[in-house]
């Protein structure tokens, strides 16, 4: 029997509030947790001993922080937002569009959802069940790829969906798949055309996709260290070879974000973190933080 368990905390699209992260890490400190990690779906993973598990859960409940134990019933929404501005340029997909989609998802998905810009290879596009890929030549429209649960079968829909309907279409598709598991889950013969005929497409803004998506060749960019972008800003990427991040280090990162008016940091599918929007005047503070923690 294992003497520890893993607590998962989802950050939609990999966007993390420094205040929420700091409070979570304080809760970890109270029960003696020294290290945490980040998962492939951009979630925070806390490994806690059986003896301290209930104490940690009580702390998280007091903070009103949603968490999950055991099996991953509600997988995190993965997005390419961490790459926005620093690895993705010349795109209509902005921070506001990502957040509009995340805010529109008013339920806890049980299927995996990916939201990706088509002009990048930093985050995986088709590892979800419901995969949205931004159309290159049609602003605010999205290609839809369905990877049927427990299969490798992928279906590309021949329609584009408008941004404001992405959340609602995702919800209806999940409801249909869960209501017809024998047809669409763990079934190598699952048919995308059959699935989409059950979707009330007349309720949404769609238009024909003129051509199939040409996904970029995988090429993972360098995502560590200090890097300049937009001429006047810096971004910082931190990856740990053992995939463990010191709780004390992340608390300092959170506090420095708040001190320098950086409203968010990001977790990536590569189990790393990215801080964007660092001003030139604050660069020395961040360098000092890295030096202090031997990073």
C-alpha atoms as a PDB file:
ATOM      1  CA  UNK A   1       0.000   0.000   0.000  1.00  0.00           C
ATOM      2  CA  UNK A   2       1.321   3.442  -0.937  1.00  0.00           C
ATOM      3  CA  UNK A   3       2.131   5.752   1.975  1.00  0.00           C
ATOM      4  CA  UNK A   4       1.441   8.892  -0.074  1.00  0.00           C
ATOM      5  CA  UNK A   5      -1.106  10.273  -2.521  1.00  0.00           C
ATOM      6  CA  UNK A   6      -1.171  12.991  -5.164  1.00  0.00           C
ATOM      7  CA  UNK A   7      -3.426  16.031  -4.971  1.00  0.00           C
ATOM      8  CA  UNK A   8      -4.106  17.697  -8.340  1.00  0.00           C
ATOM      9  CA  UNK A   9      -5.021  21.364  -8.754  1.00  0.00           C
ATOM     10  CA  UNK A  10      -6.069  22.540 -12.211  1.00  0.00           C
ATOM     11  CA  UNK A  11      -5.078  25.885 -13.690  1.00  0.00           C
ATOM     12  CA  UNK A  12      -7.245  26.359 -16.766  1.00  0.00           C
ATOM     13  CA  UNK A  13      -5.074  26.715 -19.796  1.00  0.00           C
ATOM     14  CA  UNK A  14      -1.960  26.825 -17.612  1.00  0.00           C
ATOM     15  CA  UNK A  15      -2.775  30.333 -16.319  1.00  0.00           C
ATOM     16  CA  UNK A  16      -1.911  30.671 -12.629  1.00  0.00           C
ATOM     17  CA  UNK A  17      -2.868  33.465 -10.230  1.00  0.00           C
ATOM     18  CA  UNK A  18       0.200  34.300  -8.102  1.00  0.00           C
ATOM     19  CA  UNK A  19      -2.047  34.928  -5.096  1.00  0.00           C
ATOM     20  CA  UNK A  20      -3.793  31.567  -5.394  1.00  0.00           C
ATOM     21  CA  UNK A  21      -0.497  29.771  -5.925  1.00  0.00           C
ATOM     22  CA  UNK A  22       1.062  31.481  -2.907  1.00  0.00           C
ATOM     23  CA  UNK A  23      -1.862  30.536  -0.645  1.00  0.00           C
ATOM     24  CA  UNK A  24      -1.726  26.949  -1.879  1.00  0.00           C
ATOM     25  CA  UNK A  25       1.996  26.779  -1.165  1.00  0.00           C
ATOM     26  CA  UNK A  26       1.506  28.209   2.329  1.00  0.00           C
ATOM     27  CA  UNK A  27      -0.966  25.361   2.941  1.00  0.00           C
ATOM     28  CA  UNK A  28       1.697  22.921   1.747  1.00  0.00           C
ATOM     29  CA  UNK A  29       4.258  24.441   4.099  1.00  0.00           C
ATOM     30  CA  UNK A  30       1.917  24.014   7.070  1.00  0.00           C
ATOM     31  CA  UNK A  31       1.902  20.239   6.574  1.00  0.00           C
ATOM     32  CA  UNK A  32       5.612  19.927   5.854  1.00  0.00           C
ATOM     33  CA  UNK A  33       5.589  19.604   2.047  1.00  0.00           C
ATOM     34  CA  UNK A  34       8.849  20.901   0.587  1.00  0.00           C
ATOM     35  CA  UNK A  35       8.449  20.205  -3.134  1.00  0.00           C
ATOM     36  CA  UNK A  36       5.664  20.176  -5.725  1.00  0.00           C
ATOM     37  CA  UNK A  37       5.596  19.513  -9.471  1.00  0.00           C
ATOM     38  CA  UNK A  38       3.599  20.313 -12.580  1.00  0.00           C
ATOM     39  CA  UNK A  39       1.831  17.792 -14.787  1.00  0.00           C
ATOM     40  CA  UNK A  40       1.600  17.218 -18.535  1.00  0.00           C
ATOM     41  CA  UNK A  41      -1.797  18.937 -18.547  1.00  0.00           C
ATOM     42  CA  UNK A  42      -0.427  22.063 -16.876  1.00  0.00           C
ATOM     43  CA  UNK A  43      -1.789  21.212 -13.415  1.00  0.00           C
ATOM     44  CA  UNK A  44      -0.113  21.474 -10.016  1.00  0.00           C
ATOM     45  CA  UNK A  45       0.728  18.103  -8.434  1.00  0.00           C
ATOM     46  CA  UNK A  46       1.211  17.826  -4.688  1.00  0.00           C
ATOM     47  CA  UNK A  47       2.537  14.572  -3.310  1.00  0.00           C
ATOM     48  CA  UNK A  48       1.449  14.287   0.328  1.00  0.00           C
ATOM     49  CA  UNK A  49       1.927  11.595   2.949  1.00  0.00           C
ATOM     50  CA  UNK A  50      -1.083   9.690   4.212  1.00  0.00           C
ATOM     51  CA  UNK A  51      -0.538  11.189   7.676  1.00  0.00           C
ATOM     52  CA  UNK A  52      -0.737  14.772   6.382  1.00  0.00           C
ATOM     53  CA  UNK A  53      -3.314  14.304   3.626  1.00  0.00           C
ATOM     54  CA  UNK A  54      -6.420  15.286   5.585  1.00  0.00           C
ATOM     55  CA  UNK A  55      -4.694  18.318   7.101  1.00  0.00           C
ATOM     56  CA  UNK A  56      -3.733  19.547   3.627  1.00  0.00           C
ATOM     57  CA  UNK A  57      -7.226  18.979   2.247  1.00  0.00           C
ATOM     58  CA  UNK A  58      -8.692  20.956   5.152  1.00  0.00           C
ATOM     59  CA  UNK A  59      -6.340  23.849   4.377  1.00  0.00           C
ATOM     60  CA  UNK A  60      -7.306  23.792   0.690  1.00  0.00           C
ATOM     61  CA  UNK A  61     -10.990  23.723   1.576  1.00  0.00           C
ATOM     62  CA  UNK A  62     -10.560  26.760   3.833  1.00  0.00           C
ATOM     63  CA  UNK A  63      -8.964  28.555   0.874  1.00  0.00           C
ATOM     64  CA  UNK A  64     -11.808  27.425  -1.451  1.00  0.00           C
ATOM     65  CA  UNK A  65      -9.229  25.927  -3.816  1.00  0.00           C
ATOM     66  CA  UNK A  66     -10.644  23.184  -6.023  1.00  0.00           C
ATOM     67  CA  UNK A  67      -8.601  19.986  -5.996  1.00  0.00           C
ATOM     68  CA  UNK A  68      -8.836  16.374  -7.041  1.00  0.00           C
ATOM     69  CA  UNK A  69      -7.547  13.200  -5.445  1.00  0.00           C
ATOM     70  CA  UNK A  70      -7.143   9.743  -6.881  1.00  0.00           C
ATOM     71  CA  UNK A  71      -8.180   9.242 -10.481  1.00  0.00           C
ATOM     72  CA  UNK A  72      -8.224  12.196 -12.842  1.00  0.00           C
ATOM     73  CA  UNK A  73     -11.975  12.661 -13.178  1.00  0.00           C
ATOM     74  CA  UNK A  74     -11.692  16.281 -14.291  1.00  0.00           C
ATOM     75  CA  UNK A  75      -8.592  16.650 -16.493  1.00  0.00           C
ATOM     76  CA  UNK A  76      -7.206  20.147 -16.851  1.00  0.00           C
ATOM     77  CA  UNK A  77      -7.816  22.222 -19.979  1.00  0.00           C
ATOM     78  CA  UNK A  78      -4.549  22.477 -21.908  1.00  0.00           C
ATOM     79  CA  UNK A  79      -3.763  25.583 -23.947  1.00  0.00           C
ATOM     80  CA  UNK A  80      -0.994  27.257 -25.901  1.00  0.00           C
ATOM     81  CA  UNK A  81      -1.446  30.448 -23.871  1.00  0.00           C
ATOM     82  CA  UNK A  82       1.980  30.135 -22.155  1.00  0.00           C
ATOM     83  CA  UNK A  83       3.556  30.534 -25.622  1.00  0.00           C
ATOM     84  CA  UNK A  84       1.461  33.599 -26.518  1.00  0.00           C
ATOM     85  CA  UNK A  85       3.664  36.607 -27.392  1.00  0.00           C
ATOM     86  CA  UNK A  86       6.953  34.811 -26.738  1.00  0.00           C
ATOM     87  CA  UNK A  87       6.751  31.892 -29.216  1.00  0.00           C
ATOM     88  CA  UNK A  88       3.649  32.902 -31.195  1.00  0.00           C
ATOM     89  CA  UNK A  89       3.533  35.996 -33.380  1.00  0.00           C
ATOM     90  CA  UNK A  90       1.295  37.342 -36.135  1.00  0.00           C
ATOM     91  CA  UNK A  91      -1.855  35.701 -34.843  1.00  0.00           C
ATOM     92  CA  UNK A  92      -5.358  36.947 -34.049  1.00  0.00           C
ATOM     93  CA  UNK A  93      -5.504  34.716 -30.964  1.00  0.00           C
ATOM     94  CA  UNK A  94      -4.901  37.050 -28.012  1.00  0.00           C
ATOM     95  CA  UNK A  95      -4.873  36.648 -24.239  1.00  0.00           C
ATOM     96  CA  UNK A  96      -8.433  37.963 -24.092  1.00  0.00           C
ATOM     97  CA  UNK A  97      -9.716  35.336 -26.521  1.00  0.00           C
ATOM     98  CA  UNK A  98      -8.182  32.496 -24.499  1.00  0.00           C
ATOM     99  CA  UNK A  99      -9.733  33.840 -21.313  1.00  0.00           C
ATOM    100  CA  UNK A 100     -13.142  34.343 -22.939  1.00  0.00           C
ATOM    101  CA  UNK A 101     -13.158  30.650 -23.865  1.00  0.00           C
ATOM    102  CA  UNK A 102     -12.036  29.514 -20.401  1.00  0.00           C
ATOM    103  CA  UNK A 103     -14.617  31.748 -18.720  1.00  0.00           C
ATOM    104  CA  UNK A 104     -17.309  30.335 -21.003  1.00  0.00           C
ATOM    105  CA  UNK A 105     -16.658  26.761 -19.872  1.00  0.00           C
ATOM    106  CA  UNK A 106     -19.168  26.832 -17.018  1.00  0.00           C
ATOM    107  CA  UNK A 107     -18.852  23.159 -16.096  1.00  0.00           C
ATOM    108  CA  UNK A 108     -16.165  20.736 -14.943  1.00  0.00           C
ATOM    109  CA  UNK A 109     -15.094  18.840 -18.079  1.00  0.00           C
ATOM    110  CA  UNK A 110     -14.588  15.126 -17.726  1.00  0.00           C
ATOM    111  CA  UNK A 111     -13.177  14.858 -21.240  1.00  0.00           C
ATOM    112  CA  UNK A 112      -9.823  16.404 -22.104  1.00  0.00           C
ATOM    113  CA  UNK A 113     -10.039  19.777 -23.880  1.00  0.00           C
ATOM    114  CA  UNK A 114      -7.122  21.393 -25.733  1.00  0.00           C
ATOM    115  CA  UNK A 115      -7.204  24.989 -27.007  1.00  0.00           C
ATOM    116  CA  UNK A 116      -4.311  25.771 -29.347  1.00  0.00           C
ATOM    117  CA  UNK A 117      -3.008  28.337 -31.751  1.00  0.00           C
ATOM    118  CA  UNK A 118      -2.209  26.741 -35.098  1.00  0.00           C
ATOM    119  CA  UNK A 119       0.959  28.812 -35.444  1.00  0.00           C
ATOM    120  CA  UNK A 120       3.033  27.037 -32.792  1.00  0.00           C
ATOM    121  CA  UNK A 121       4.480  23.703 -31.723  1.00  0.00           C
ATOM    122  CA  UNK A 122       5.233  24.531 -28.087  1.00  0.00           C
ATOM    123  CA  UNK A 123       2.103  22.864 -26.728  1.00  0.00           C
ATOM    124  CA  UNK A 124       0.521  19.687 -28.110  1.00  0.00           C
ATOM    125  CA  UNK A 125      -2.639  20.249 -30.127  1.00  0.00           C
ATOM    126  CA  UNK A 126      -4.359  16.873 -30.368  1.00  0.00           C
ATOM    127  CA  UNK A 127      -3.714  15.173 -27.028  1.00  0.00           C
ATOM    128  CA  UNK A 128      -7.210  15.988 -25.798  1.00  0.00           C
ATOM    129  CA  UNK A 129     -10.566  14.456 -26.674  1.00  0.00           C
ATOM    130  CA  UNK A 130     -12.018  17.789 -27.826  1.00  0.00           C
ATOM    131  CA  UNK A 131      -9.260  19.708 -29.582  1.00  0.00           C
ATOM    132  CA  UNK A 132      -9.702  23.276 -30.794  1.00  0.00           C
ATOM    133  CA  UNK A 133      -7.154  24.707 -33.231  1.00  0.00           C
ATOM    134  CA  UNK A 134      -7.397  28.378 -34.225  1.00  0.00           C
ATOM    135  CA  UNK A 135      -8.004  28.933 -37.929  1.00  0.00           C
ATOM    136  CA  UNK A 136      -5.097  30.766 -39.573  1.00  0.00           C
ATOM    137  CA  UNK A 137      -7.115  32.700 -42.128  1.00  0.00           C
ATOM    138  CA  UNK A 138     -10.432  33.191 -40.327  1.00  0.00           C
ATOM    139  CA  UNK A 139     -10.238  35.331 -37.188  1.00  0.00           C
ATOM    140  CA  UNK A 140     -12.321  34.030 -34.279  1.00  0.00           C
ATOM    141  CA  UNK A 141     -13.040  30.689 -35.934  1.00  0.00           C
ATOM    142  CA  UNK A 142     -11.767  27.301 -34.813  1.00  0.00           C
ATOM    143  CA  UNK A 143     -11.104  23.909 -36.333  1.00  0.00           C
ATOM    144  CA  UNK A 144     -12.407  20.986 -34.280  1.00  0.00           C
ATOM    145  CA  UNK A 145     -10.643  17.642 -33.900  1.00  0.00           C
ATOM    146  CA  UNK A 146     -12.270  14.842 -31.903  1.00  0.00           C
ATOM    147  CA  UNK A 147     -10.040  12.148 -30.438  1.00  0.00           C
ATOM    148  CA  UNK A 148     -12.524   9.583 -29.236  1.00  0.00           C
ATOM    149  CA  UNK A 149     -11.917   8.536 -25.597  1.00  0.00           C
ATOM    150  CA  UNK A 150      -9.737   5.458 -25.118  1.00  0.00           C
ATOM    151  CA  UNK A 151      -8.907   5.282 -28.842  1.00  0.00           C
ATOM    152  CA  UNK A 152      -6.391   6.762 -31.246  1.00  0.00           C
ATOM    153  CA  UNK A 153      -9.152   7.602 -33.717  1.00  0.00           C
ATOM    154  CA  UNK A 154      -9.169  11.306 -34.664  1.00  0.00           C
ATOM    155  CA  UNK A 155     -11.922  13.032 -36.618  1.00  0.00           C
ATOM    156  CA  UNK A 156     -11.555  16.511 -38.145  1.00  0.00           C
ATOM    157  CA  UNK A 157     -14.906  18.253 -38.531  1.00  0.00           C
ATOM    158  CA  UNK A 158     -15.554  19.990 -41.843  1.00  0.00           C
ATOM    159  CA  UNK A 159     -16.952  23.107 -40.130  1.00  0.00           C
ATOM    160  CA  UNK A 160     -15.332  26.002 -38.277  1.00  0.00           C
ATOM    161  CA  UNK A 161     -16.846  27.157 -34.973  1.00  0.00           C
ATOM    162  CA  UNK A 162     -17.013  30.785 -33.815  1.00  0.00           C
ATOM    163  CA  UNK A 163     -15.068  31.692 -30.649  1.00  0.00           C
ATOM    164  CA  UNK A 164     -18.165  32.537 -28.607  1.00  0.00           C
ATOM    165  CA  UNK A 165     -19.564  29.045 -29.228  1.00  0.00           C
ATOM    166  CA  UNK A 166     -16.440  26.982 -28.470  1.00  0.00           C
ATOM    167  CA  UNK A 167     -17.399  26.429 -24.818  1.00  0.00           C
ATOM    168  CA  UNK A 168     -21.022  25.508 -25.575  1.00  0.00           C
ATOM    169  CA  UNK A 169     -20.087  23.134 -28.396  1.00  0.00           C
ATOM    170  CA  UNK A 170     -17.521  21.465 -26.112  1.00  0.00           C
ATOM    171  CA  UNK A 171     -20.178  20.951 -23.455  1.00  0.00           C
ATOM    172  CA  UNK A 172     -22.703  19.449 -25.868  1.00  0.00           C
ATOM    173  CA  UNK A 173     -20.146  17.117 -27.443  1.00  0.00           C
ATOM    174  CA  UNK A 174     -19.104  15.873 -23.994  1.00  0.00           C
ATOM    175  CA  UNK A 175     -22.736  15.256 -23.037  1.00  0.00           C
ATOM    176  CA  UNK A 176     -23.334  13.273 -26.238  1.00  0.00           C
ATOM    177  CA  UNK A 177     -20.198  11.154 -25.878  1.00  0.00           C
ATOM    178  CA  UNK A 178     -20.972  10.342 -22.241  1.00  0.00           C
ATOM    179  CA  UNK A 179     -24.600   9.506 -23.088  1.00  0.00           C
ATOM    180  CA  UNK A 180     -23.517   7.137 -25.894  1.00  0.00           C
ATOM    181  CA  UNK A 181     -20.338   5.581 -24.533  1.00  0.00           C
ATOM    182  CA  UNK A 182     -20.881   2.354 -26.448  1.00  0.00           C
ATOM    183  CA  UNK A 183     -20.666   4.311 -29.719  1.00  0.00           C
ATOM    184  CA  UNK A 184     -17.988   6.887 -28.984  1.00  0.00           C
ATOM    185  CA  UNK A 185     -15.785   5.683 -26.113  1.00  0.00           C
ATOM    186  CA  UNK A 186     -13.332   2.774 -26.228  1.00  0.00           C
ATOM    187  CA  UNK A 187     -14.627   2.011 -29.730  1.00  0.00           C
ATOM    188  CA  UNK A 188     -12.111   1.972 -32.579  1.00  0.00           C
ATOM    189  CA  UNK A 189     -15.030   2.125 -35.020  1.00  0.00           C
ATOM    190  CA  UNK A 190     -16.383   5.413 -33.622  1.00  0.00           C
ATOM    191  CA  UNK A 191     -17.651   7.662 -36.412  1.00  0.00           C
ATOM    192  CA  UNK A 192     -17.150  11.412 -36.308  1.00  0.00           C
ATOM    193  CA  UNK A 193     -19.948  12.044 -38.792  1.00  0.00           C
ATOM    194  CA  UNK A 194     -22.376  10.167 -36.540  1.00  0.00           C
ATOM    195  CA  UNK A 195     -21.291  12.215 -33.526  1.00  0.00           C
ATOM    196  CA  UNK A 196     -21.658  15.562 -35.260  1.00  0.00           C
ATOM    197  CA  UNK A 197     -25.125  14.696 -36.570  1.00  0.00           C
ATOM    198  CA  UNK A 198     -26.227  14.539 -32.926  1.00  0.00           C
ATOM    199  CA  UNK A 199     -24.897  18.054 -32.202  1.00  0.00           C
ATOM    200  CA  UNK A 200     -27.471  20.846 -32.510  1.00  0.00           C
ATOM    201  CA  UNK A 201     -25.308  22.770 -34.939  1.00  0.00           C
ATOM    202  CA  UNK A 202     -28.154  25.140 -35.804  1.00  0.00           C
ATOM    203  CA  UNK A 203     -27.654  26.764 -32.358  1.00  0.00           C
ATOM    204  CA  UNK A 204     -24.093  27.822 -33.143  1.00  0.00           C
ATOM    205  CA  UNK A 205     -22.244  30.089 -35.558  1.00  0.00           C
ATOM    206  CA  UNK A 206     -20.290  27.895 -37.949  1.00  0.00           C
ATOM    207  CA  UNK A 207     -18.978  28.034 -41.477  1.00  0.00           C
ATOM    208  CA  UNK A 208     -17.435  25.460 -43.837  1.00  0.00           C
ATOM    209  CA  UNK A 209     -13.738  24.756 -43.444  1.00  0.00           C
ATOM    210  CA  UNK A 210     -12.237  25.419 -46.876  1.00  0.00           C
ATOM    211  CA  UNK A 211      -9.363  23.017 -46.276  1.00  0.00           C
ATOM    212  CA  UNK A 212      -7.969  20.639 -43.696  1.00  0.00           C
ATOM    213  CA  UNK A 213      -5.520  21.988 -41.148  1.00  0.00           C
ATOM    214  CA  UNK A 214      -1.824  21.780 -41.881  1.00  0.00           C
ATOM    215  CA  UNK A 215      -0.372  21.289 -38.416  1.00  0.00           C
ATOM    216  CA  UNK A 216       3.196  22.555 -37.909  1.00  0.00           C
ATOM    217  CA  UNK A 217       6.090  20.143 -37.613  1.00  0.00           C
ATOM    218  CA  UNK A 218       6.969  19.558 -33.974  1.00  0.00           C
ATOM    219  CA  UNK A 219       9.867  21.767 -32.958  1.00  0.00           C
ATOM    220  CA  UNK A 220      10.138  22.458 -29.250  1.00  0.00           C
ATOM    221  CA  UNK A 221      11.684  25.892 -28.662  1.00  0.00           C
ATOM    222  CA  UNK A 222      14.137  26.595 -25.855  1.00  0.00           C
ATOM    223  CA  UNK A 223      12.056  27.457 -22.810  1.00  0.00           C
ATOM    224  CA  UNK A 224      14.531  28.172 -19.999  1.00  0.00           C
ATOM    225  CA  UNK A 225      16.318  31.243 -18.697  1.00  0.00           C
ATOM    226  CA  UNK A 226      15.794  34.958 -19.313  1.00  0.00           C
ATOM    227  CA  UNK A 227      14.742  36.047 -22.772  1.00  0.00           C
ATOM    228  CA  UNK A 228      13.804  39.428 -24.233  1.00  0.00           C
ATOM    229  CA  UNK A 229      10.649  39.903 -26.305  1.00  0.00           C
ATOM    230  CA  UNK A 230       8.617  42.823 -27.621  1.00  0.00           C
ATOM    231  CA  UNK A 231      11.825  44.898 -27.351  1.00  0.00           C
ATOM    232  CA  UNK A 232      11.088  46.051 -23.796  1.00  0.00           C
ATOM    233  CA  UNK A 233       9.924  42.965 -21.873  1.00  0.00           C
ATOM    234  CA  UNK A 234      11.494  39.755 -20.596  1.00  0.00           C
ATOM    235  CA  UNK A 235      10.123  36.288 -19.989  1.00  0.00           C
ATOM    236  CA  UNK A 236      11.636  33.727 -17.658  1.00  0.00           C
ATOM    237  CA  UNK A 237      11.390  29.970 -18.014  1.00  0.00           C
ATOM    238  CA  UNK A 238      12.295  27.526 -15.228  1.00  0.00           C
ATOM    239  CA  UNK A 239      12.563  23.755 -15.614  1.00  0.00           C
ATOM    240  CA  UNK A 240      13.855  21.321 -13.021  1.00  0.00           C
ATOM    241  CA  UNK A 241      15.619  18.189 -14.197  1.00  0.00           C
ATOM    242  CA  UNK A 242      13.997  16.129 -11.445  1.00  0.00           C
ATOM    243  CA  UNK A 243      10.658  17.903 -12.149  1.00  0.00           C
ATOM    244  CA  UNK A 244      10.461  19.016  -8.495  1.00  0.00           C
ATOM    245  CA  UNK A 245      10.024  22.680  -7.608  1.00  0.00           C
ATOM    246  CA  UNK A 246      10.879  23.905  -4.136  1.00  0.00           C
ATOM    247  CA  UNK A 247       7.809  25.224  -2.323  1.00  0.00           C
ATOM    248  CA  UNK A 248       9.932  28.043  -0.892  1.00  0.00           C
ATOM    249  CA  UNK A 249      11.170  29.021  -4.372  1.00  0.00           C
ATOM    250  CA  UNK A 250       7.657  29.089  -5.830  1.00  0.00           C
ATOM    251  CA  UNK A 251       6.445  31.181  -2.884  1.00  0.00           C
ATOM    252  CA  UNK A 252       9.162  33.714  -3.676  1.00  0.00           C
ATOM    253  CA  UNK A 253       8.183  33.645  -7.371  1.00  0.00           C
ATOM    254  CA  UNK A 254       4.560  34.299  -6.425  1.00  0.00           C
ATOM    255  CA  UNK A 255       5.476  37.172  -4.090  1.00  0.00           C
ATOM    256  CA  UNK A 256       7.753  38.783  -6.670  1.00  0.00           C
ATOM    257  CA  UNK A 257       4.993  38.549  -9.291  1.00  0.00           C
ATOM    258  CA  UNK A 258       2.684  40.403  -6.917  1.00  0.00           C
ATOM    259  CA  UNK A 259       5.366  42.936  -5.978  1.00  0.00           C
ATOM    260  CA  UNK A 260       6.172  43.741  -9.630  1.00  0.00           C
ATOM    261  CA  UNK A 261       2.505  43.753 -10.706  1.00  0.00           C
ATOM    262  CA  UNK A 262       2.666  40.609 -12.832  1.00  0.00           C
ATOM    263  CA  UNK A 263      -0.860  39.263 -12.640  1.00  0.00           C
ATOM    264  CA  UNK A 264      -0.186  35.693 -13.701  1.00  0.00           C
ATOM    265  CA  UNK A 265       2.411  33.055 -14.380  1.00  0.00           C
ATOM    266  CA  UNK A 266       2.059  29.953 -16.514  1.00  0.00           C
ATOM    267  CA  UNK A 267       2.591  26.224 -16.248  1.00  0.00           C
ATOM    268  CA  UNK A 268       3.542  24.378 -19.432  1.00  0.00           C
ATOM    269  CA  UNK A 269       2.968  20.815 -20.695  1.00  0.00           C
ATOM    270  CA  UNK A 270       6.726  20.315 -20.252  1.00  0.00           C
ATOM    271  CA  UNK A 271       6.395  20.467 -16.456  1.00  0.00           C
ATOM    272  CA  UNK A 272       7.999  23.884 -16.326  1.00  0.00           C
ATOM    273  CA  UNK A 273       6.855  27.413 -15.488  1.00  0.00           C
ATOM    274  CA  UNK A 274       7.011  30.645 -17.480  1.00  0.00           C
ATOM    275  CA  UNK A 275       6.763  34.202 -16.149  1.00  0.00           C
ATOM    276  CA  UNK A 276       5.967  36.793 -18.839  1.00  0.00           C
ATOM    277  CA  UNK A 277       5.854  40.567 -18.741  1.00  0.00           C
ATOM    278  CA  UNK A 278       8.998  41.221 -16.677  1.00  0.00           C
ATOM    279  CA  UNK A 279      10.029  44.872 -16.964  1.00  0.00           C
ATOM    280  CA  UNK A 280      13.638  45.892 -17.543  1.00  0.00           C
ATOM    281  CA  UNK A 281      13.661  47.705 -14.190  1.00  0.00           C
ATOM    282  CA  UNK A 282      12.707  44.473 -12.378  1.00  0.00           C
ATOM    283  CA  UNK A 283      15.082  42.126 -14.194  1.00  0.00           C
ATOM    284  CA  UNK A 284      17.721  42.385 -11.443  1.00  0.00           C
ATOM    285  CA  UNK A 285      15.190  41.252  -8.814  1.00  0.00           C
ATOM    286  CA  UNK A 286      14.395  38.142 -10.824  1.00  0.00           C
ATOM    287  CA  UNK A 287      18.062  37.407 -11.437  1.00  0.00           C
ATOM    288  CA  UNK A 288      18.704  37.694  -7.710  1.00  0.00           C
ATOM    289  CA  UNK A 289      15.868  35.270  -6.997  1.00  0.00           C
ATOM    290  CA  UNK A 290      17.330  32.696  -9.393  1.00  0.00           C
ATOM    291  CA  UNK A 291      20.823  33.116  -7.946  1.00  0.00           C
ATOM    292  CA  UNK A 292      19.535  32.770  -4.400  1.00  0.00           C
ATOM    293  CA  UNK A 293      17.911  29.450  -5.321  1.00  0.00           C
ATOM    294  CA  UNK A 294      20.898  28.248  -7.401  1.00  0.00           C
ATOM    295  CA  UNK A 295      18.864  28.164 -10.609  1.00  0.00           C
END
